[in-house]
N, C-alpha and C. Protein backbone atom coordinates (compact mmCIF):
# COMPACT_ATOMS: atom_id res chain seq x y z
N MET A 1 -13.49 -11.12 -29.72
CA MET A 1 -14.08 -10.39 -28.62
C MET A 1 -13.28 -9.11 -28.39
N LYS A 2 -14.02 -8.03 -28.18
CA LYS A 2 -13.39 -6.77 -27.78
C LYS A 2 -13.27 -6.80 -26.26
N LEU A 3 -12.05 -6.65 -25.77
CA LEU A 3 -11.78 -6.62 -24.34
C LEU A 3 -11.22 -5.26 -23.98
N SER A 4 -11.87 -4.60 -23.01
CA SER A 4 -11.37 -3.33 -22.50
C SER A 4 -10.89 -3.54 -21.07
N LEU A 5 -9.72 -3.00 -20.78
CA LEU A 5 -9.16 -3.06 -19.43
C LEU A 5 -9.12 -1.64 -18.88
N LEU A 6 -9.95 -1.38 -17.87
CA LEU A 6 -10.08 -0.04 -17.28
C LEU A 6 -9.50 -0.04 -15.87
N ARG A 7 -8.47 0.76 -15.68
CA ARG A 7 -7.93 0.94 -14.33
C ARG A 7 -8.75 2.01 -13.62
N HIS A 8 -8.95 1.81 -12.34
CA HIS A 8 -9.69 2.80 -11.55
C HIS A 8 -9.02 4.16 -11.61
N GLY A 9 -9.80 5.18 -11.35
CA GLY A 9 -9.29 6.55 -11.28
C GLY A 9 -8.61 6.81 -9.93
N GLU A 10 -8.32 8.07 -9.71
CA GLU A 10 -7.61 8.48 -8.50
C GLU A 10 -8.43 8.16 -7.24
N PRO A 11 -7.85 7.39 -6.32
CA PRO A 11 -8.56 7.10 -5.07
C PRO A 11 -8.21 8.11 -3.97
N VAL A 12 -9.05 8.14 -2.96
CA VAL A 12 -8.76 8.93 -1.77
C VAL A 12 -7.46 8.41 -1.16
N GLY A 13 -6.58 9.30 -0.78
CA GLY A 13 -5.33 8.89 -0.13
C GLY A 13 -4.10 9.03 -0.99
N GLY A 14 -4.29 9.39 -2.27
CA GLY A 14 -3.14 9.64 -3.13
C GLY A 14 -2.39 8.40 -3.56
N ARG A 15 -1.16 8.61 -4.03
CA ARG A 15 -0.34 7.53 -4.60
C ARG A 15 0.38 6.77 -3.50
N ILE A 16 -0.16 5.59 -3.20
CA ILE A 16 0.44 4.70 -2.22
C ILE A 16 0.32 3.26 -2.72
N TYR A 17 1.03 2.37 -2.08
CA TYR A 17 0.84 0.94 -2.35
C TYR A 17 -0.42 0.52 -1.59
N ARG A 18 -1.54 0.63 -2.27
CA ARG A 18 -2.86 0.47 -1.67
C ARG A 18 -3.25 -1.00 -1.54
N GLY A 19 -2.89 -1.81 -2.52
CA GLY A 19 -3.22 -3.23 -2.47
C GLY A 19 -4.71 -3.46 -2.30
N ASN A 20 -5.06 -4.31 -1.34
CA ASN A 20 -6.47 -4.61 -1.13
C ASN A 20 -7.10 -3.75 -0.05
N GLN A 21 -6.44 -2.65 0.29
CA GLN A 21 -7.03 -1.62 1.15
C GLN A 21 -8.17 -0.99 0.34
N ASP A 22 -9.33 -0.79 0.95
CA ASP A 22 -10.52 -0.41 0.19
C ASP A 22 -10.82 1.09 0.30
N ASP A 23 -10.14 1.88 -0.51
CA ASP A 23 -10.36 3.32 -0.54
C ASP A 23 -11.26 3.69 -1.72
N PRO A 24 -12.22 4.59 -1.51
CA PRO A 24 -13.09 5.02 -2.61
C PRO A 24 -12.37 5.99 -3.55
N LEU A 25 -13.03 6.28 -4.65
CA LEU A 25 -12.52 7.25 -5.62
C LEU A 25 -12.74 8.68 -5.12
N THR A 26 -11.86 9.57 -5.55
CA THR A 26 -12.09 11.00 -5.37
C THR A 26 -13.05 11.45 -6.47
N ASP A 27 -13.54 12.68 -6.38
CA ASP A 27 -14.37 13.24 -7.47
C ASP A 27 -13.57 13.26 -8.78
N LYS A 28 -12.29 13.60 -8.67
CA LYS A 28 -11.43 13.60 -9.86
C LYS A 28 -11.33 12.18 -10.44
N GLY A 29 -11.21 11.18 -9.57
CA GLY A 29 -11.14 9.80 -10.02
C GLY A 29 -12.38 9.37 -10.78
N TRP A 30 -13.55 9.78 -10.29
CA TRP A 30 -14.81 9.49 -11.00
C TRP A 30 -14.79 10.12 -12.39
N GLN A 31 -14.38 11.38 -12.43
CA GLN A 31 -14.37 12.09 -13.72
C GLN A 31 -13.39 11.45 -14.69
N GLN A 32 -12.24 11.03 -14.19
CA GLN A 32 -11.26 10.35 -15.04
C GLN A 32 -11.87 9.11 -15.69
N MET A 33 -12.61 8.34 -14.91
CA MET A 33 -13.21 7.11 -15.44
C MET A 33 -14.35 7.40 -16.40
N LEU A 34 -15.13 8.43 -16.10
CA LEU A 34 -16.19 8.85 -17.02
C LEU A 34 -15.59 9.25 -18.37
N ASP A 35 -14.51 10.01 -18.32
CA ASP A 35 -13.84 10.45 -19.55
C ASP A 35 -13.30 9.26 -20.34
N SER A 36 -12.73 8.27 -19.64
CA SER A 36 -12.12 7.12 -20.32
C SER A 36 -13.13 6.19 -20.97
N THR A 37 -14.36 6.20 -20.49
CA THR A 37 -15.36 5.27 -21.02
C THR A 37 -16.44 5.96 -21.85
N GLN A 38 -16.27 7.25 -22.07
CA GLN A 38 -17.27 8.01 -22.82
C GLN A 38 -17.51 7.40 -24.21
N ASP A 39 -18.78 7.29 -24.58
CA ASP A 39 -19.20 6.81 -25.91
C ASP A 39 -18.78 5.36 -26.18
N GLN A 40 -18.61 4.55 -25.15
CA GLN A 40 -18.30 3.13 -25.34
C GLN A 40 -19.38 2.30 -24.65
N SER A 41 -19.53 1.08 -25.13
CA SER A 41 -20.46 0.17 -24.48
C SER A 41 -19.91 -1.25 -24.57
N TRP A 42 -20.42 -2.13 -23.70
CA TRP A 42 -19.97 -3.50 -23.62
C TRP A 42 -21.15 -4.41 -23.31
N GLU A 43 -21.01 -5.67 -23.67
CA GLU A 43 -22.03 -6.68 -23.36
C GLU A 43 -21.91 -7.20 -21.94
N LEU A 44 -20.71 -7.09 -21.37
CA LEU A 44 -20.46 -7.62 -20.04
C LEU A 44 -19.48 -6.71 -19.30
N ILE A 45 -19.78 -6.48 -18.04
CA ILE A 45 -18.89 -5.72 -17.17
C ILE A 45 -18.43 -6.66 -16.06
N ALA A 46 -17.12 -6.73 -15.85
CA ALA A 46 -16.56 -7.52 -14.75
C ALA A 46 -15.71 -6.58 -13.90
N THR A 47 -15.79 -6.75 -12.59
CA THR A 47 -15.11 -5.81 -11.72
C THR A 47 -14.53 -6.46 -10.47
N SER A 48 -13.54 -5.78 -9.93
CA SER A 48 -13.02 -6.07 -8.60
C SER A 48 -14.11 -5.72 -7.59
N PRO A 49 -14.12 -6.39 -6.44
CA PRO A 49 -15.09 -6.03 -5.41
C PRO A 49 -14.71 -4.76 -4.64
N LEU A 50 -13.49 -4.28 -4.81
CA LEU A 50 -13.05 -3.10 -4.05
C LEU A 50 -13.76 -1.85 -4.58
N SER A 51 -14.14 -0.97 -3.67
CA SER A 51 -15.04 0.15 -4.01
C SER A 51 -14.49 1.08 -5.09
N ARG A 52 -13.18 1.24 -5.19
CA ARG A 52 -12.64 2.15 -6.20
C ARG A 52 -12.88 1.64 -7.61
N CYS A 53 -13.23 0.38 -7.75
CA CYS A 53 -13.61 -0.21 -9.04
C CYS A 53 -15.10 -0.50 -9.08
N HIS A 54 -15.59 -1.12 -8.02
CA HIS A 54 -16.97 -1.63 -8.00
C HIS A 54 -18.00 -0.51 -8.12
N ALA A 55 -17.78 0.60 -7.46
CA ALA A 55 -18.75 1.70 -7.51
C ALA A 55 -18.92 2.21 -8.94
N PHE A 56 -17.81 2.35 -9.65
CA PHE A 56 -17.91 2.83 -11.03
C PHE A 56 -18.52 1.76 -11.93
N ALA A 57 -18.18 0.50 -11.71
CA ALA A 57 -18.78 -0.59 -12.50
C ALA A 57 -20.29 -0.62 -12.31
N ASN A 58 -20.75 -0.38 -11.08
CA ASN A 58 -22.20 -0.29 -10.83
C ASN A 58 -22.81 0.86 -11.62
N HIS A 59 -22.10 1.98 -11.67
CA HIS A 59 -22.57 3.12 -12.46
C HIS A 59 -22.70 2.74 -13.94
N LEU A 60 -21.68 2.08 -14.48
CA LEU A 60 -21.73 1.64 -15.88
C LEU A 60 -22.88 0.68 -16.12
N GLN A 61 -23.07 -0.24 -15.19
CA GLN A 61 -24.14 -1.23 -15.33
C GLN A 61 -25.50 -0.54 -15.40
N THR A 62 -25.73 0.43 -14.55
CA THR A 62 -26.99 1.17 -14.54
C THR A 62 -27.15 1.98 -15.82
N LYS A 63 -26.10 2.64 -16.23
CA LYS A 63 -26.14 3.49 -17.44
C LYS A 63 -26.37 2.65 -18.70
N LEU A 64 -25.65 1.53 -18.82
CA LEU A 64 -25.68 0.74 -20.05
C LEU A 64 -26.69 -0.41 -20.01
N GLN A 65 -27.24 -0.69 -18.82
CA GLN A 65 -28.15 -1.84 -18.66
C GLN A 65 -27.47 -3.12 -19.15
N THR A 66 -26.24 -3.31 -18.69
CA THR A 66 -25.38 -4.42 -19.08
C THR A 66 -25.14 -5.32 -17.88
N PRO A 67 -25.10 -6.63 -18.06
CA PRO A 67 -24.80 -7.51 -16.92
C PRO A 67 -23.45 -7.18 -16.28
N LEU A 68 -23.43 -7.29 -14.95
CA LEU A 68 -22.24 -7.00 -14.16
C LEU A 68 -21.92 -8.22 -13.30
N ILE A 69 -20.65 -8.64 -13.34
CA ILE A 69 -20.20 -9.68 -12.43
C ILE A 69 -19.03 -9.15 -11.59
N THR A 70 -19.07 -9.45 -10.32
CA THR A 70 -18.02 -9.05 -9.39
C THR A 70 -17.19 -10.29 -9.09
N LEU A 71 -15.89 -10.18 -9.33
CA LEU A 71 -15.00 -11.33 -9.18
C LEU A 71 -13.90 -11.01 -8.16
N ASP A 72 -13.89 -11.76 -7.06
CA ASP A 72 -12.87 -11.55 -6.03
C ASP A 72 -11.46 -11.69 -6.60
N GLY A 73 -11.33 -12.51 -7.64
CA GLY A 73 -10.03 -12.71 -8.27
C GLY A 73 -9.44 -11.44 -8.86
N PHE A 74 -10.28 -10.42 -9.07
CA PHE A 74 -9.80 -9.15 -9.61
C PHE A 74 -9.42 -8.14 -8.53
N SER A 75 -9.37 -8.56 -7.26
CA SER A 75 -8.85 -7.68 -6.21
C SER A 75 -7.36 -7.46 -6.46
N GLU A 76 -6.86 -6.33 -6.01
CA GLU A 76 -5.45 -5.99 -6.23
C GLU A 76 -4.53 -6.89 -5.42
N LEU A 77 -3.29 -6.97 -5.87
CA LEU A 77 -2.22 -7.68 -5.18
C LEU A 77 -2.11 -7.17 -3.75
N GLY A 78 -2.03 -8.08 -2.79
CA GLY A 78 -1.81 -7.69 -1.41
C GLY A 78 -0.34 -7.34 -1.20
N PHE A 79 -0.07 -6.12 -0.80
CA PHE A 79 1.31 -5.64 -0.67
C PHE A 79 1.90 -5.84 0.73
N GLY A 80 1.21 -6.56 1.59
CA GLY A 80 1.78 -6.88 2.90
C GLY A 80 2.15 -5.64 3.69
N ASP A 81 3.37 -5.62 4.19
CA ASP A 81 3.83 -4.52 5.05
C ASP A 81 3.93 -3.18 4.32
N TRP A 82 3.87 -3.19 3.01
CA TRP A 82 3.94 -1.94 2.24
C TRP A 82 2.57 -1.30 2.06
N GLN A 83 1.53 -2.03 2.38
CA GLN A 83 0.19 -1.52 2.13
C GLN A 83 -0.05 -0.21 2.87
N GLY A 84 -0.55 0.78 2.14
CA GLY A 84 -0.83 2.09 2.70
C GLY A 84 0.36 3.02 2.73
N LEU A 85 1.51 2.57 2.21
CA LEU A 85 2.72 3.40 2.23
C LEU A 85 3.06 3.92 0.83
N SER A 86 3.69 5.08 0.80
CA SER A 86 4.18 5.64 -0.46
C SER A 86 5.55 5.06 -0.78
N SER A 87 5.97 5.23 -2.03
CA SER A 87 7.32 4.80 -2.42
C SER A 87 8.37 5.48 -1.56
N GLN A 88 8.13 6.75 -1.26
CA GLN A 88 9.08 7.51 -0.44
C GLN A 88 9.19 6.91 0.96
N ALA A 89 8.06 6.53 1.55
CA ALA A 89 8.09 5.95 2.90
C ALA A 89 8.76 4.57 2.90
N ILE A 90 8.57 3.80 1.83
CA ILE A 90 9.17 2.47 1.72
C ILE A 90 10.66 2.58 1.46
N GLY A 91 11.02 3.51 0.59
CA GLY A 91 12.39 3.67 0.12
C GLY A 91 12.46 3.30 -1.35
N GLN A 92 12.85 4.25 -2.18
CA GLN A 92 12.83 4.04 -3.63
C GLN A 92 13.71 2.88 -4.07
N ASP A 93 14.82 2.66 -3.40
CA ASP A 93 15.69 1.53 -3.76
C ASP A 93 14.97 0.19 -3.58
N LEU A 94 14.24 0.04 -2.47
CA LEU A 94 13.48 -1.19 -2.24
C LEU A 94 12.38 -1.37 -3.28
N VAL A 95 11.70 -0.29 -3.61
CA VAL A 95 10.64 -0.33 -4.62
C VAL A 95 11.22 -0.72 -5.97
N ASP A 96 12.33 -0.10 -6.35
CA ASP A 96 12.95 -0.42 -7.64
C ASP A 96 13.41 -1.87 -7.70
N THR A 97 13.98 -2.36 -6.62
CA THR A 97 14.43 -3.76 -6.57
C THR A 97 13.25 -4.70 -6.70
N PHE A 98 12.14 -4.39 -6.05
CA PHE A 98 10.92 -5.18 -6.16
C PHE A 98 10.41 -5.21 -7.60
N LYS A 99 10.34 -4.06 -8.24
CA LYS A 99 9.81 -4.00 -9.61
C LYS A 99 10.70 -4.74 -10.60
N GLN A 100 12.01 -4.74 -10.37
CA GLN A 100 12.94 -5.44 -11.26
C GLN A 100 12.86 -6.95 -11.10
N ASP A 101 12.58 -7.42 -9.89
CA ASP A 101 12.49 -8.86 -9.63
C ASP A 101 11.44 -9.09 -8.54
N PRO A 102 10.15 -9.01 -8.92
CA PRO A 102 9.09 -9.09 -7.92
C PRO A 102 8.93 -10.46 -7.27
N VAL A 103 9.48 -11.49 -7.86
CA VAL A 103 9.37 -12.82 -7.28
C VAL A 103 10.31 -12.96 -6.08
N ASN A 104 11.53 -12.51 -6.24
CA ASN A 104 12.55 -12.68 -5.19
C ASN A 104 12.68 -11.50 -4.25
N ASN A 105 11.97 -10.41 -4.52
CA ASN A 105 12.09 -9.20 -3.69
C ASN A 105 10.73 -8.65 -3.28
N GLN A 106 9.78 -9.54 -3.05
CA GLN A 106 8.45 -9.06 -2.70
C GLN A 106 8.45 -8.41 -1.32
N PRO A 107 7.50 -7.50 -1.08
CA PRO A 107 7.41 -6.87 0.24
C PRO A 107 7.15 -7.92 1.33
N PRO A 108 7.61 -7.66 2.54
CA PRO A 108 7.34 -8.60 3.63
C PRO A 108 5.83 -8.83 3.80
N ASN A 109 5.45 -10.09 3.93
CA ASN A 109 4.05 -10.49 4.14
C ASN A 109 3.13 -10.21 2.95
N ALA A 110 3.71 -9.96 1.78
CA ALA A 110 2.91 -9.71 0.58
C ALA A 110 2.38 -11.02 0.00
N GLU A 111 1.36 -10.88 -0.81
CA GLU A 111 0.79 -12.02 -1.52
C GLU A 111 1.83 -12.55 -2.51
N ASN A 112 1.93 -13.85 -2.62
CA ASN A 112 2.84 -14.46 -3.58
C ASN A 112 2.42 -14.09 -5.01
N LEU A 113 3.37 -13.68 -5.82
CA LEU A 113 3.08 -13.21 -7.18
C LEU A 113 2.44 -14.31 -8.04
N TYR A 114 2.89 -15.53 -7.89
CA TYR A 114 2.31 -16.63 -8.69
C TYR A 114 0.88 -16.95 -8.24
N ASP A 115 0.61 -16.84 -6.94
CA ASP A 115 -0.76 -17.02 -6.44
C ASP A 115 -1.66 -15.91 -6.98
N PHE A 116 -1.14 -14.70 -7.00
CA PHE A 116 -1.88 -13.56 -7.54
C PHE A 116 -2.20 -13.79 -9.02
N GLN A 117 -1.20 -14.19 -9.78
CA GLN A 117 -1.41 -14.47 -11.20
C GLN A 117 -2.49 -15.54 -11.39
N TYR A 118 -2.42 -16.58 -10.60
CA TYR A 118 -3.38 -17.68 -10.72
C TYR A 118 -4.81 -17.18 -10.48
N ARG A 119 -5.03 -16.40 -9.42
CA ARG A 119 -6.39 -15.97 -9.12
C ARG A 119 -6.91 -14.96 -10.15
N VAL A 120 -6.02 -14.09 -10.64
CA VAL A 120 -6.45 -13.13 -11.67
C VAL A 120 -6.84 -13.86 -12.96
N LEU A 121 -6.00 -14.80 -13.39
CA LEU A 121 -6.30 -15.50 -14.64
C LEU A 121 -7.50 -16.44 -14.50
N ALA A 122 -7.74 -16.97 -13.31
CA ALA A 122 -8.95 -17.77 -13.09
C ALA A 122 -10.19 -16.89 -13.25
N ALA A 123 -10.14 -15.68 -12.71
CA ALA A 123 -11.26 -14.74 -12.87
C ALA A 123 -11.40 -14.33 -14.34
N PHE A 124 -10.29 -14.08 -14.99
CA PHE A 124 -10.30 -13.71 -16.42
C PHE A 124 -10.94 -14.82 -17.25
N ASN A 125 -10.61 -16.06 -16.95
CA ASN A 125 -11.19 -17.19 -17.69
C ASN A 125 -12.70 -17.30 -17.49
N THR A 126 -13.19 -16.82 -16.35
CA THR A 126 -14.64 -16.77 -16.12
C THR A 126 -15.31 -15.90 -17.19
N ILE A 127 -14.67 -14.81 -17.53
CA ILE A 127 -15.22 -13.91 -18.56
C ILE A 127 -15.13 -14.58 -19.93
N ILE A 128 -13.99 -15.14 -20.24
CA ILE A 128 -13.76 -15.74 -21.55
C ILE A 128 -14.78 -16.87 -21.82
N THR A 129 -15.07 -17.67 -20.82
CA THR A 129 -16.00 -18.79 -21.02
C THR A 129 -17.42 -18.31 -21.28
N LYS A 130 -17.75 -17.10 -20.89
CA LYS A 130 -19.08 -16.54 -21.17
C LYS A 130 -19.22 -16.11 -22.63
N GLN A 131 -18.11 -15.98 -23.33
CA GLN A 131 -18.05 -15.65 -24.76
C GLN A 131 -18.85 -14.41 -25.17
N PRO A 132 -18.67 -13.30 -24.46
CA PRO A 132 -19.36 -12.08 -24.90
C PRO A 132 -18.68 -11.50 -26.14
N GLN A 133 -19.42 -10.72 -26.89
CA GLN A 133 -18.84 -10.00 -28.03
C GLN A 133 -17.87 -8.93 -27.53
N SER A 134 -18.21 -8.35 -26.36
CA SER A 134 -17.37 -7.31 -25.78
C SER A 134 -17.50 -7.35 -24.27
N ALA A 135 -16.40 -7.04 -23.60
CA ALA A 135 -16.39 -7.03 -22.14
C ALA A 135 -15.40 -5.97 -21.66
N ILE A 136 -15.72 -5.42 -20.49
CA ILE A 136 -14.80 -4.50 -19.83
C ILE A 136 -14.48 -5.07 -18.45
N VAL A 137 -13.21 -5.01 -18.11
CA VAL A 137 -12.74 -5.38 -16.78
C VAL A 137 -12.36 -4.09 -16.07
N VAL A 138 -13.03 -3.81 -14.96
CA VAL A 138 -12.73 -2.62 -14.15
C VAL A 138 -11.91 -3.11 -12.97
N ALA A 139 -10.63 -2.74 -12.97
CA ALA A 139 -9.73 -3.35 -11.98
C ALA A 139 -8.57 -2.42 -11.65
N HIS A 140 -7.52 -3.03 -11.16
CA HIS A 140 -6.35 -2.35 -10.60
C HIS A 140 -5.15 -2.54 -11.50
N ALA A 141 -4.12 -1.74 -11.28
CA ALA A 141 -2.92 -1.81 -12.12
C ALA A 141 -2.32 -3.22 -12.12
N GLY A 142 -2.21 -3.84 -10.96
CA GLY A 142 -1.62 -5.18 -10.89
C GLY A 142 -2.43 -6.21 -11.65
N VAL A 143 -3.74 -6.15 -11.50
CA VAL A 143 -4.63 -7.07 -12.21
C VAL A 143 -4.48 -6.88 -13.72
N ILE A 144 -4.48 -5.64 -14.15
CA ILE A 144 -4.35 -5.35 -15.59
C ILE A 144 -2.99 -5.80 -16.10
N ARG A 145 -1.95 -5.62 -15.30
CA ARG A 145 -0.61 -6.10 -15.71
C ARG A 145 -0.59 -7.61 -15.91
N VAL A 146 -1.26 -8.34 -15.02
CA VAL A 146 -1.30 -9.79 -15.16
C VAL A 146 -2.04 -10.19 -16.44
N ILE A 147 -3.17 -9.56 -16.69
CA ILE A 147 -3.95 -9.88 -17.90
C ILE A 147 -3.16 -9.51 -19.15
N LYS A 148 -2.56 -8.34 -19.16
CA LYS A 148 -1.77 -7.93 -20.33
C LYS A 148 -0.56 -8.84 -20.52
N SER A 149 0.10 -9.23 -19.45
CA SER A 149 1.22 -10.17 -19.56
C SER A 149 0.76 -11.47 -20.21
N HIS A 150 -0.41 -11.93 -19.81
CA HIS A 150 -0.99 -13.16 -20.38
C HIS A 150 -1.29 -12.97 -21.87
N LEU A 151 -1.94 -11.85 -22.22
CA LEU A 151 -2.31 -11.62 -23.61
C LEU A 151 -1.09 -11.42 -24.51
N LEU A 152 -0.04 -10.84 -23.95
CA LEU A 152 1.16 -10.53 -24.73
C LEU A 152 2.24 -11.61 -24.60
N ASN A 153 1.92 -12.70 -23.89
CA ASN A 153 2.87 -13.80 -23.67
C ASN A 153 4.17 -13.33 -23.01
N LEU A 154 4.04 -12.46 -22.03
CA LEU A 154 5.19 -12.00 -21.27
C LEU A 154 5.25 -12.76 -19.96
N PRO A 155 6.45 -13.07 -19.47
CA PRO A 155 6.54 -13.75 -18.17
C PRO A 155 6.05 -12.82 -17.06
N ILE A 156 5.38 -13.40 -16.09
CA ILE A 156 4.81 -12.61 -14.99
C ILE A 156 5.89 -11.84 -14.24
N GLU A 157 7.10 -12.35 -14.25
CA GLU A 157 8.21 -11.67 -13.57
C GLU A 157 8.49 -10.29 -14.17
N LYS A 158 8.01 -10.04 -15.39
CA LYS A 158 8.22 -8.75 -16.06
C LYS A 158 7.01 -7.83 -15.99
N MET A 159 6.01 -8.19 -15.17
CA MET A 159 4.76 -7.43 -15.18
C MET A 159 4.93 -5.95 -14.82
N PHE A 160 5.92 -5.64 -14.00
CA PHE A 160 6.08 -4.24 -13.60
C PHE A 160 6.80 -3.40 -14.65
N THR A 161 7.15 -4.00 -15.77
CA THR A 161 7.67 -3.22 -16.90
C THR A 161 6.52 -2.66 -17.73
N ILE A 162 5.29 -3.09 -17.43
CA ILE A 162 4.10 -2.63 -18.14
C ILE A 162 3.51 -1.45 -17.38
N GLU A 163 3.42 -0.31 -18.05
CA GLU A 163 2.84 0.88 -17.42
C GLU A 163 1.32 0.84 -17.59
N VAL A 164 0.62 1.14 -16.51
CA VAL A 164 -0.84 1.21 -16.54
C VAL A 164 -1.23 2.54 -15.89
N MET A 165 -1.64 3.47 -16.71
CA MET A 165 -1.96 4.81 -16.22
C MET A 165 -3.29 4.83 -15.47
N THR A 166 -3.41 5.73 -14.52
CA THR A 166 -4.64 5.91 -13.78
C THR A 166 -5.80 6.17 -14.74
N ALA A 167 -6.88 5.43 -14.57
CA ALA A 167 -8.12 5.56 -15.36
C ALA A 167 -7.93 5.27 -16.86
N SER A 168 -6.84 4.60 -17.21
CA SER A 168 -6.67 4.25 -18.62
C SER A 168 -7.63 3.14 -19.01
N CYS A 169 -8.12 3.21 -20.23
CA CYS A 169 -9.00 2.18 -20.77
C CYS A 169 -8.40 1.71 -22.09
N GLU A 170 -7.79 0.52 -22.04
CA GLU A 170 -7.13 -0.03 -23.22
C GLU A 170 -8.00 -1.12 -23.82
N ASN A 171 -8.06 -1.14 -25.15
CA ASN A 171 -8.87 -2.11 -25.87
C ASN A 171 -8.00 -3.13 -26.59
N PHE A 172 -8.48 -4.38 -26.55
CA PHE A 172 -7.79 -5.49 -27.21
C PHE A 172 -8.82 -6.30 -27.97
N GLU A 173 -8.37 -6.93 -29.05
CA GLU A 173 -9.17 -7.93 -29.75
C GLU A 173 -8.57 -9.29 -29.42
N ILE A 174 -9.38 -10.15 -28.84
CA ILE A 174 -8.86 -11.48 -28.49
C ILE A 174 -9.76 -12.57 -29.04
């Protein structure tokens, strides 16, 4: 199966720990996603319910006439007290400590990393059991990191060592 992992483009509000805050894409964000998916097609589209992913997935579904499933499990990691804040507002030292050891240094009131991994992989398995020839997941950096960690057999504790660029569309054979 060809699996594509598409991160949403630039959302309204700039670079912040957005989590499950539901901000739409900017015009630039739409264009970034259009550019990343140009001349590609899939048998199945799966998306986060958050508008910065879902709106573009709906666009793809209409354009390609491909089945679309919305999976709550693909919502972004809840960042608790950090939600809506920039790295600068949080403090770069705290952010760096979190990324180095996200299990023991999670933001106050954030979603548990293992719970997040469980819900993302449960949603991912929904796609796998459908056995499409090709599928695209339109989601968030955290969701993509969890899936890539799973595909690459990396421990979830190392997920923040994986870079996921805005509007990147990476392809895998699984």
